PDB file of all heavy atoms in Angstrom:
ATOM      1  N   GLU A   1      -7.635 -14.274 -19.392  1.00  0.00           N
ATOM      2  CA  GLU A   1      -8.723 -14.379 -18.383  1.00  0.00           C
ATOM      3  C   GLU A   1      -9.497 -13.088 -18.295  1.00  0.00           C
ATOM      4  O   GLU A   1     -10.715 -13.107 -18.142  1.00  0.00           O
ATOM      5  CB  GLU A   1      -8.093 -14.738 -17.032  1.00  0.00           C
ATOM      6  CG  GLU A   1      -9.145 -14.964 -15.938  1.00  0.00           C
ATOM      7  CD  GLU A   1      -8.514 -15.391 -14.614  1.00  0.00           C
ATOM      8  OE1 GLU A   1      -7.352 -15.867 -14.666  1.00  0.00           O
ATOM      9  OE2 GLU A   1      -9.173 -15.266 -13.580  1.00  0.00           O
ATOM     10  N   GLU A   2      -8.797 -11.948 -18.426  1.00  0.00           N
ATOM     11  CA  GLU A   2      -9.489 -10.653 -18.387  1.00  0.00           C
ATOM     12  C   GLU A   2     -10.467 -10.501 -19.542  1.00  0.00           C
ATOM     13  O   GLU A   2     -11.569 -10.006 -19.368  1.00  0.00           O
ATOM     14  CB  GLU A   2      -8.471  -9.519 -18.404  1.00  0.00           C
ATOM     15  CG  GLU A   2      -7.618  -9.405 -17.157  1.00  0.00           C
ATOM     16  CD  GLU A   2      -6.320 -10.182 -17.271  1.00  0.00           C
ATOM     17  OE1 GLU A   2      -6.260 -11.164 -18.076  1.00  0.00           O
ATOM     18  OE2 GLU A   2      -5.358  -9.799 -16.595  1.00  0.00           O
ATOM     19  N   ALA A   3     -10.064 -10.915 -20.727  1.00  0.00           N
ATOM     20  CA  ALA A   3     -10.951 -10.826 -21.900  1.00  0.00           C
ATOM     21  C   ALA A   3     -12.131 -11.741 -21.733  1.00  0.00           C
ATOM     22  O   ALA A   3     -13.268 -11.397 -22.079  1.00  0.00           O
ATOM     23  CB  ALA A   3     -10.172 -11.164 -23.183  1.00  0.00           C
ATOM     24  N   ARG A   4     -11.900 -12.951 -21.193  1.00  0.00           N
ATOM     25  CA  ARG A   4     -13.011 -13.874 -21.019  1.00  0.00           C
ATOM     26  C   ARG A   4     -14.001 -13.346 -19.967  1.00  0.00           C
ATOM     27  O   ARG A   4     -15.225 -13.529 -20.077  1.00  0.00           O
ATOM     28  CB  ARG A   4     -12.490 -15.248 -20.625  1.00  0.00           C
ATOM     29  CG  ARG A   4     -11.617 -15.882 -21.711  1.00  0.00           C
ATOM     30  CD  ARG A   4     -11.427 -17.368 -21.523  1.00  0.00           C
ATOM     31  NE  ARG A   4     -10.770 -17.703 -20.294  1.00  0.00           N
ATOM     32  CZ  ARG A   4      -9.444 -17.720 -20.120  1.00  0.00           C
ATOM     33  NH1 ARG A   4      -8.650 -17.364 -21.097  1.00  0.00           N
ATOM     34  NH2 ARG A   4      -8.911 -18.079 -18.953  1.00  0.00           N
ATOM     35  N   ALA A   5     -13.505 -12.667 -18.947  1.00  0.00           N
ATOM     36  CA  ALA A   5     -14.389 -12.064 -17.950  1.00  0.00           C
ATOM     37  C   ALA A   5     -15.224 -10.942 -18.592  1.00  0.00           C
ATOM     38  O   ALA A   5     -16.402 -10.764 -18.267  1.00  0.00           O
ATOM     39  CB  ALA A   5     -13.550 -11.515 -16.785  1.00  0.00           C
ATOM     40  N   ASP A   6     -14.603 -10.204 -19.507  1.00  0.00           N
ATOM     41  CA  ASP A   6     -15.331  -9.153 -20.208  1.00  0.00           C
ATOM     42  C   ASP A   6     -16.478  -9.739 -21.047  1.00  0.00           C
ATOM     43  O   ASP A   6     -17.568  -9.161 -21.107  1.00  0.00           O
ATOM     44  CB  ASP A   6     -14.360  -8.380 -21.096  1.00  0.00           C
ATOM     45  CG  ASP A   6     -14.950  -7.077 -21.594  1.00  0.00           C
ATOM     46  OD1 ASP A   6     -15.340  -6.250 -20.770  1.00  0.00           O
ATOM     47  OD2 ASP A   6     -15.002  -6.882 -22.843  1.00  0.00           O
ATOM     48  N   VAL A   7     -16.217 -10.889 -21.626  1.00  0.00           N
ATOM     49  CA  VAL A   7     -17.269 -11.570 -22.424  1.00  0.00           C
ATOM     50  C   VAL A   7     -18.401 -12.020 -21.517  1.00  0.00           C
ATOM     51  O   VAL A   7     -19.582 -11.918 -21.895  1.00  0.00           O
ATOM     52  CB  VAL A   7     -16.676 -12.771 -23.178  1.00  0.00           C
ATOM     53  CG1 VAL A   7     -17.796 -13.609 -23.817  1.00  0.00           C
ATOM     54  CG2 VAL A   7     -15.690 -12.295 -24.241  1.00  0.00           C
ATOM     55  N   HIS A   8     -18.095 -12.478 -20.327  1.00  0.00           N
ATOM     56  CA  HIS A   8     -19.148 -12.877 -19.397  1.00  0.00           C
ATOM     57  C   HIS A   8     -20.010 -11.674 -19.007  1.00  0.00           C
ATOM     58  O   HIS A   8     -21.229 -11.813 -18.827  1.00  0.00           O
ATOM     59  CB  HIS A   8     -18.552 -13.536 -18.169  1.00  0.00           C
ATOM     60  CG  HIS A   8     -18.161 -14.969 -18.371  1.00  0.00           C
ATOM     61  ND1 HIS A   8     -19.052 -15.994 -18.501  1.00  0.00           N
ATOM     62  CD2 HIS A   8     -16.938 -15.530 -18.554  1.00  0.00           C
ATOM     63  CE1 HIS A   8     -18.423 -17.130 -18.704  1.00  0.00           C
ATOM     64  NE2 HIS A   8     -17.113 -16.875 -18.753  1.00  0.00           N
ATOM     65  N   ASP A   9     -19.402 -10.490 -18.895  1.00  0.00           N
ATOM     66  CA  ASP A   9     -20.199  -9.277 -18.669  1.00  0.00           C
ATOM     67  C   ASP A   9     -21.122  -9.015 -19.840  1.00  0.00           C
ATOM     68  O   ASP A   9     -22.284  -8.609 -19.657  1.00  0.00           O
ATOM     69  CB  ASP A   9     -19.276  -8.071 -18.451  1.00  0.00           C
ATOM     70  CG  ASP A   9     -18.555  -8.113 -17.106  1.00  0.00           C
ATOM     71  OD1 ASP A   9     -19.057  -8.797 -16.178  1.00  0.00           O
ATOM     72  OD2 ASP A   9     -17.521  -7.429 -16.970  1.00  0.00           O
ATOM     73  N   MET A  10     -20.622  -9.216 -21.052  1.00  0.00           N
ATOM     74  CA  MET A  10     -21.453  -9.037 -22.246  1.00  0.00           C
ATOM     75  C   MET A  10     -22.612 -10.038 -22.260  1.00  0.00           C
ATOM     76  O   MET A  10     -23.733  -9.698 -22.635  1.00  0.00           O
ATOM     77  CB  MET A  10     -20.607  -9.189 -23.521  1.00  0.00           C
ATOM     78  CG  MET A  10     -19.576  -8.084 -23.729  1.00  0.00           C
ATOM     79  SD  MET A  10     -18.531  -8.380 -25.174  1.00  0.00           S
ATOM     80  CE  MET A  10     -19.732  -8.265 -26.512  1.00  0.00           C
ATOM     81  N   ARG A  11     -22.331 -11.256 -21.852  1.00  0.00           N
ATOM     82  CA  ARG A  11     -23.414 -12.261 -21.797  1.00  0.00           C
ATOM     83  C   ARG A  11     -24.494 -11.834 -20.806  1.00  0.00           C
ATOM     84  O   ARG A  11     -25.701 -11.916 -21.105  1.00  0.00           O
ATOM     85  CB  ARG A  11     -22.861 -13.609 -21.358  1.00  0.00           C
ATOM     86  CG  ARG A  11     -22.042 -14.361 -22.390  1.00  0.00           C
ATOM     87  CD  ARG A  11     -21.573 -15.694 -21.857  1.00  0.00           C
ATOM     88  NE  ARG A  11     -20.761 -16.433 -22.811  1.00  0.00           N
ATOM     89  CZ  ARG A  11     -20.214 -17.618 -22.570  1.00  0.00           C
ATOM     90  NH1 ARG A  11     -20.369 -18.181 -21.379  1.00  0.00           N
ATOM     91  NH2 ARG A  11     -19.485 -18.209 -23.505  1.00  0.00           N
ATOM     92  N   ALA A  12     -24.070 -11.383 -19.633  1.00  0.00           N
ATOM     93  CA  ALA A  12     -25.049 -10.991 -18.613  1.00  0.00           C
ATOM     94  C   ALA A  12     -25.903  -9.844 -19.077  1.00  0.00           C
ATOM     95  O   ALA A  12     -27.052  -9.700 -18.620  1.00  0.00           O
ATOM     96  CB  ALA A  12     -24.324 -10.639 -17.312  1.00  0.00           C
ATOM     97  N   ALA A  13     -25.366  -8.984 -19.953  1.00  0.00           N
ATOM     98  CA  ALA A  13     -26.112  -7.833 -20.424  1.00  0.00           C
ATOM     99  C   ALA A  13     -26.942  -8.141 -21.666  1.00  0.00           C
ATOM    100  O   ALA A  13     -27.675  -7.294 -22.156  1.00  0.00           O
ATOM    101  CB  ALA A  13     -25.171  -6.681 -20.743  1.00  0.00           C
ATOM    102  N   SER A  14     -26.872  -9.371 -22.167  1.00  0.00           N
ATOM    103  CA  SER A  14     -27.591  -9.771 -23.387  1.00  0.00           C
ATOM    104  C   SER A  14     -28.807 -10.626 -23.044  1.00  0.00           C
ATOM    105  O   SER A  14     -28.782 -11.395 -22.084  1.00  0.00           O
ATOM    106  CB  SER A  14     -26.674 -10.557 -24.342  1.00  0.00           C
ATOM    107  OG  SER A  14     -25.540  -9.791 -24.680  1.00  0.00           O
ATOM    108  N   ASP A  15     -29.840 -10.510 -23.864  1.00  0.00           N
ATOM    109  CA  ASP A  15     -31.024 -11.353 -23.667  1.00  0.00           C
ATOM    110  C   ASP A  15     -30.730 -12.799 -24.105  1.00  0.00           C
ATOM    111  O   ASP A  15     -31.310 -13.743 -23.572  1.00  0.00           O
ATOM    112  CB  ASP A  15     -32.197 -10.829 -24.481  1.00  0.00           C
ATOM    113  CG  ASP A  15     -32.756  -9.548 -23.887  1.00  0.00           C
ATOM    114  OD1 ASP A  15     -32.477  -9.248 -22.720  1.00  0.00           O
ATOM    115  OD2 ASP A  15     -33.515  -8.853 -24.597  1.00  0.00           O
ATOM    116  N   ALA A  16     -29.855 -12.954 -25.113  1.00  0.00           N
ATOM    117  CA  ALA A  16     -29.582 -14.287 -25.650  1.00  0.00           C
ATOM    118  C   ALA A  16     -28.153 -14.399 -26.073  1.00  0.00           C
ATOM    119  O   ALA A  16     -27.520 -13.423 -26.493  1.00  0.00           O
ATOM    120  CB  ALA A  16     -30.506 -14.588 -26.840  1.00  0.00           C
ATOM    121  N   VAL A  17     -27.575 -15.601 -25.946  1.00  0.00           N
ATOM    122  CA  VAL A  17     -26.268 -15.949 -26.454  1.00  0.00           C
ATOM    123  C   VAL A  17     -26.444 -17.031 -27.527  1.00  0.00           C
ATOM    124  O   VAL A  17     -27.122 -18.040 -27.249  1.00  0.00           O
ATOM    125  CB  VAL A  17     -25.320 -16.443 -25.349  1.00  0.00           C
ATOM    126  CG1 VAL A  17     -23.992 -16.917 -25.934  1.00  0.00           C
ATOM    127  CG2 VAL A  17     -25.090 -15.324 -24.333  1.00  0.00           C
ATOM    128  N   MET A  18     -25.848 -16.830 -28.692  1.00  0.00           N
ATOM    129  CA  MET A  18     -26.107 -17.749 -29.810  1.00  0.00           C
ATOM    130  C   MET A  18     -24.810 -18.366 -30.335  1.00  0.00           C
ATOM    131  O   MET A  18     -23.801 -17.674 -30.476  1.00  0.00           O
ATOM    132  CB  MET A  18     -26.811 -16.995 -30.942  1.00  0.00           C
ATOM    133  CG  MET A  18     -27.209 -17.866 -32.120  1.00  0.00           C
ATOM    134  SD  MET A  18     -28.115 -16.925 -33.367  1.00  0.00           S
ATOM    135  CE  MET A  18     -26.764 -16.092 -34.222  1.00  0.00           C
ATOM    136  N   VAL A  19     -24.869 -19.668 -30.594  1.00  0.00           N
ATOM    137  CA  VAL A  19     -23.755 -20.379 -31.221  1.00  0.00           C
ATOM    138  C   VAL A  19     -24.314 -21.331 -32.282  1.00  0.00           C
ATOM    139  O   VAL A  19     -25.528 -21.593 -32.315  1.00  0.00           O
ATOM    140  CB  VAL A  19     -22.908 -21.173 -30.217  1.00  0.00           C
ATOM    141  CG1 VAL A  19     -22.255 -20.278 -29.192  1.00  0.00           C
ATOM    142  CG2 VAL A  19     -23.727 -22.248 -29.538  1.00  0.00           C
ATOM    143  N   GLY A  20     -23.430 -21.836 -33.107  1.00  0.00           N
ATOM    144  CA  GLY A  20     -23.816 -22.855 -34.076  1.00  0.00           C
ATOM    145  C   GLY A  20     -23.633 -24.246 -33.529  1.00  0.00           C
ATOM    146  O   GLY A  20     -22.957 -24.449 -32.505  1.00  0.00           O
ATOM    147  N   ILE A  21     -24.179 -25.220 -34.203  1.00  0.00           N
ATOM    148  CA  ILE A  21     -24.077 -26.600 -33.764  1.00  0.00           C
ATOM    149  C   ILE A  21     -22.634 -27.074 -33.720  1.00  0.00           C
ATOM    150  O   ILE A  21     -22.246 -27.887 -32.886  1.00  0.00           O
ATOM    151  CB  ILE A  21     -24.932 -27.535 -34.658  1.00  0.00           C
ATOM    152  CG1 ILE A  21     -24.858 -29.000 -34.187  1.00  0.00           C
ATOM    153  CG2 ILE A  21     -24.533 -27.408 -36.113  1.00  0.00           C
ATOM    154  CD1 ILE A  21     -25.343 -29.192 -32.737  1.00  0.00           C
ATOM    155  N   GLY A  22     -21.786 -26.529 -34.614  1.00  0.00           N
ATOM    156  CA  GLY A  22     -20.368 -26.914 -34.630  1.00  0.00           C
ATOM    157  C   GLY A  22     -19.704 -26.605 -33.310  1.00  0.00           C
ATOM    158  O   GLY A  22     -18.915 -27.403 -32.798  1.00  0.00           O
ATOM    159  N   THR A  23     -20.002 -25.452 -32.724  1.00  0.00           N
ATOM    160  CA  THR A  23     -19.438 -25.084 -31.442  1.00  0.00           C
ATOM    161  C   THR A  23     -19.917 -26.002 -30.330  1.00  0.00           C
ATOM    162  O   THR A  23     -19.154 -26.405 -29.452  1.00  0.00           O
ATOM    163  CB  THR A  23     -19.793 -23.620 -31.101  1.00  0.00           C
ATOM    164  OG1 THR A  23     -19.218 -22.749 -32.074  1.00  0.00           O
ATOM    165  CG2 THR A  23     -19.273 -23.236 -29.739  1.00  0.00           C
ATOM    166  N   VAL A  24     -21.194 -26.367 -30.388  1.00  0.00           N
ATOM    167  CA  VAL A  24     -21.726 -27.293 -29.370  1.00  0.00           C
ATOM    168  C   VAL A  24     -21.054 -28.667 -29.471  1.00  0.00           C
ATOM    169  O   VAL A  24     -20.651 -29.248 -28.457  1.00  0.00           O
ATOM    170  CB  VAL A  24     -23.262 -27.422 -29.533  1.00  0.00           C
ATOM    171  CG1 VAL A  24     -23.808 -28.529 -28.620  1.00  0.00           C
ATOM    172  CG2 VAL A  24     -23.934 -26.105 -29.231  1.00  0.00           C
ATOM    173  N   LEU A  25     -20.916 -29.156 -30.679  1.00  0.00           N
ATOM    174  CA  LEU A  25     -20.313 -30.491 -30.857  1.00  0.00           C
ATOM    175  C   LEU A  25     -18.822 -30.484 -30.506  1.00  0.00           C
ATOM    176  O   LEU A  25     -18.310 -31.476 -29.954  1.00  0.00           O
ATOM    177  CB  LEU A  25     -20.488 -30.953 -32.310  1.00  0.00           C
ATOM    178  CG  LEU A  25     -21.944 -31.198 -32.753  1.00  0.00           C
ATOM    179  CD1 LEU A  25     -21.983 -31.533 -34.242  1.00  0.00           C
ATOM    180  CD2 LEU A  25     -22.579 -32.332 -31.939  1.00  0.00           C
ATOM    181  N   ARG A  26     -18.148 -29.383 -30.786  1.00  0.00           N
ATOM    182  CA  ARG A  26     -16.692 -29.331 -30.562  1.00  0.00           C
ATOM    183  C   ARG A  26     -16.336 -28.991 -29.123  1.00  0.00           C
ATOM    184  O   ARG A  26     -15.453 -29.609 -28.515  1.00  0.00           O
ATOM    185  CB  ARG A  26     -16.075 -28.303 -31.519  1.00  0.00           C
ATOM    186  CG  ARG A  26     -14.551 -28.185 -31.431  1.00  0.00           C
ATOM    187  CD  ARG A  26     -14.044 -27.128 -32.391  1.00  0.00           C
ATOM    188  NE  ARG A  26     -14.550 -25.795 -32.086  1.00  0.00           N
ATOM    189  CZ  ARG A  26     -15.453 -25.171 -32.826  1.00  0.00           C
ATOM    190  NH1 ARG A  26     -15.958 -25.732 -33.916  1.00  0.00           N
ATOM    191  NH2 ARG A  26     -15.864 -23.945 -32.481  1.00  0.00           N
ATOM    192  N   ASP A  27     -17.020 -27.985 -28.553  1.00  0.00           N
ATOM    193  CA  ASP A  27     -16.606 -27.447 -27.241  1.00  0.00           C
ATOM    194  C   ASP A  27     -17.541 -27.805 -26.090  1.00  0.00           C
ATOM    195  O   ASP A  27     -17.158 -27.632 -24.935  1.00  0.00           O
ATOM    196  CB  ASP A  27     -16.482 -25.921 -27.333  1.00  0.00           C
ATOM    197  CG  ASP A  27     -15.431 -25.483 -28.338  1.00  0.00           C
ATOM    198  OD1 ASP A  27     -14.494 -26.260 -28.616  1.00  0.00           O
ATOM    199  OD2 ASP A  27     -15.542 -24.352 -28.880  1.00  0.00           O
ATOM    200  N   ASP A  28     -18.788 -28.161 -26.400  1.00  0.00           N
ATOM    201  CA  ASP A  28     -19.809 -28.433 -25.385  1.00  0.00           C
ATOM    202  C   ASP A  28     -19.860 -27.308 -24.360  1.00  0.00           C
ATOM    203  O   ASP A  28     -19.681 -27.528 -23.136  1.00  0.00           O
ATOM    204  CB  ASP A  28     -19.530 -29.762 -24.673  1.00  0.00           C
ATOM    205  CG  ASP A  28     -20.704 -30.217 -23.814  1.00  0.00           C
ATOM    206  OD1 ASP A  28     -21.859 -29.723 -24.072  1.00  0.00           O
ATOM    207  OD2 ASP A  28     -20.504 -31.024 -22.898  1.00  0.00           O
ATOM    208  N   PRO A  29     -20.111 -26.065 -24.787  1.00  0.00           N
ATOM    209  CA  PRO A  29     -20.096 -24.910 -23.875  1.00  0.00           C
ATOM    210  C   PRO A  29     -21.362 -24.820 -23.032  1.00  0.00           C
ATOM    211  O   PRO A  29     -22.414 -25.321 -23.385  1.00  0.00           O
ATOM    212  CB  PRO A  29     -20.010 -23.720 -24.812  1.00  0.00           C
ATOM    213  CG  PRO A  29     -20.760 -24.187 -26.020  1.00  0.00           C
ATOM    214  CD  PRO A  29     -20.475 -25.644 -26.165  1.00  0.00           C
ATOM    215  N   ARG A  30     -21.243 -24.141 -21.869  1.00  0.00           N
ATOM    216  CA  ARG A  30     -22.423 -23.888 -21.035  1.00  0.00           C
ATOM    217  C   ARG A  30     -23.159 -22.635 -21.477  1.00  0.00           C
ATOM    218  O   ARG A  30     -24.360 -22.518 -21.301  1.00  0.00           O
ATOM    219  CB  ARG A  30     -21.975 -23.708 -19.572  1.00  0.00           C
ATOM    220  CG  ARG A  30     -21.477 -24.977 -18.917  1.00  0.00           C
ATOM    221  CD  ARG A  30     -20.728 -24.703 -17.640  1.00  0.00           C
ATOM    222  NE  ARG A  30     -21.539 -23.999 -16.650  1.00  0.00           N
ATOM    223  CZ  ARG A  30     -21.061 -23.499 -15.515  1.00  0.00           C
ATOM    224  NH1 ARG A  30     -19.761 -23.623 -15.251  1.00  0.00           N
ATOM    225  NH2 ARG A  30     -21.845 -22.895 -14.656  1.00  0.00           N
ATOM    226  N   LEU A  31     -22.417 -21.666 -22.003  1.00  0.00           N
ATOM    227  CA  LEU A  31     -22.998 -20.418 -22.509  1.00  0.00           C
ATOM    228  C   LEU A  31     -23.730 -19.615 -21.447  1.00  0.00           C
ATOM    229  O   LEU A  31     -24.729 -18.954 -21.716  1.00  0.00           O
ATOM    230  CB  LEU A  31     -23.930 -20.671 -23.701  1.00  0.00           C
ATOM    231  CG  LEU A  31     -23.300 -21.335 -24.930  1.00  0.00           C
ATOM    232  CD1 LEU A  31     -24.337 -21.511 -26.018  1.00  0.00           C
ATOM    233  CD2 LEU A  31     -22.112 -20.519 -25.444  1.00  0.00           C
ATOM    234  N   THR A  32     -23.241 -19.684 -20.238  1.00  0.00           N
ATOM    235  CA  THR A  32     -23.839 -18.912 -19.131  1.00  0.00           C
ATOM    236  C   THR A  32     -22.945 -17.759 -18.743  1.00  0.00           C
ATOM    237  O   THR A  32     -21.744 -17.736 -19.063  1.00  0.00           O
ATOM    238  CB  THR A  32     -24.037 -19.801 -17.891  1.00  0.00           C
ATOM    239  OG1 THR A  32     -22.802 -20.456 -17.577  1.00  0.00           O
ATOM    240  CG2 THR A  32     -25.101 -20.875 -18.151  1.00  0.00           C
ATOM    241  N   ALA A  33     -23.528 -16.781 -18.055  1.00  0.00           N
ATOM    242  CA  ALA A  33     -22.751 -15.651 -17.557  1.00  0.00           C
ATOM    243  C   ALA A  33     -22.231 -16.024 -16.186  1.00  0.00           C
ATOM    244  O   ALA A  33     -23.011 -16.212 -15.246  1.00  0.00           O
ATOM    245  CB  ALA A  33     -23.636 -14.409 -17.484  1.00  0.00           C
ATOM    246  N   ARG A  34     -20.926 -16.134 -16.077  1.00  0.00           N
ATOM    247  CA  ARG A  34     -20.347 -16.611 -14.808  1.00  0.00           C
ATOM    248  C   ARG A  34     -19.487 -15.517 -14.155  1.00  0.00           C
ATOM    249  O   ARG A  34     -18.545 -15.804 -13.426  1.00  0.00           O
ATOM    250  CB  ARG A  34     -19.522 -17.865 -15.069  1.00  0.00           C
ATOM    251  CG  ARG A  34     -20.364 -19.026 -15.574  1.00  0.00           C
ATOM    252  CD  ARG A  34     -19.623 -20.330 -15.659  1.00  0.00           C
ATOM    253  NE  ARG A  34     -18.614 -20.370 -16.688  1.00  0.00           N
ATOM    254  CZ  ARG A  34     -18.861 -20.605 -17.961  1.00  0.00           C
ATOM    255  NH1 ARG A  34     -20.091 -20.775 -18.402  1.00  0.00           N
ATOM    256  NH2 ARG A  34     -17.861 -20.662 -18.838  1.00  0.00           N
ATOM    257  N   ASN A  35     -19.848 -14.267 -14.388  1.00  0.00           N
ATOM    258  CA  ASN A  35     -19.163 -13.163 -13.711  1.00  0.00           C
ATOM    259  C   ASN A  35     -19.781 -12.930 -12.344  1.00  0.00           C
ATOM    260  O   ASN A  35     -20.971 -13.117 -12.162  1.00  0.00           O
ATOM    261  CB  ASN A  35     -19.264 -11.875 -14.559  1.00  0.00           C
ATOM    262  CG  ASN A  35     -20.680 -11.558 -14.943  1.00  0.00           C
ATOM    263  OD1 ASN A  35     -21.518 -12.442 -15.047  1.00  0.00           O
ATOM    264  ND2 ASN A  35     -20.979 -10.296 -15.175  1.00  0.00           N
TER     265      ASN A  35
END
């Protein structure tokens, strides 16, 4: 959980978050910063 929170900090500090279509089809992520 601590590592995932760190990633959310990285998302908030980034202009864009990028994934491939495989990740969307497999995980259906929100890709938002939830910190």
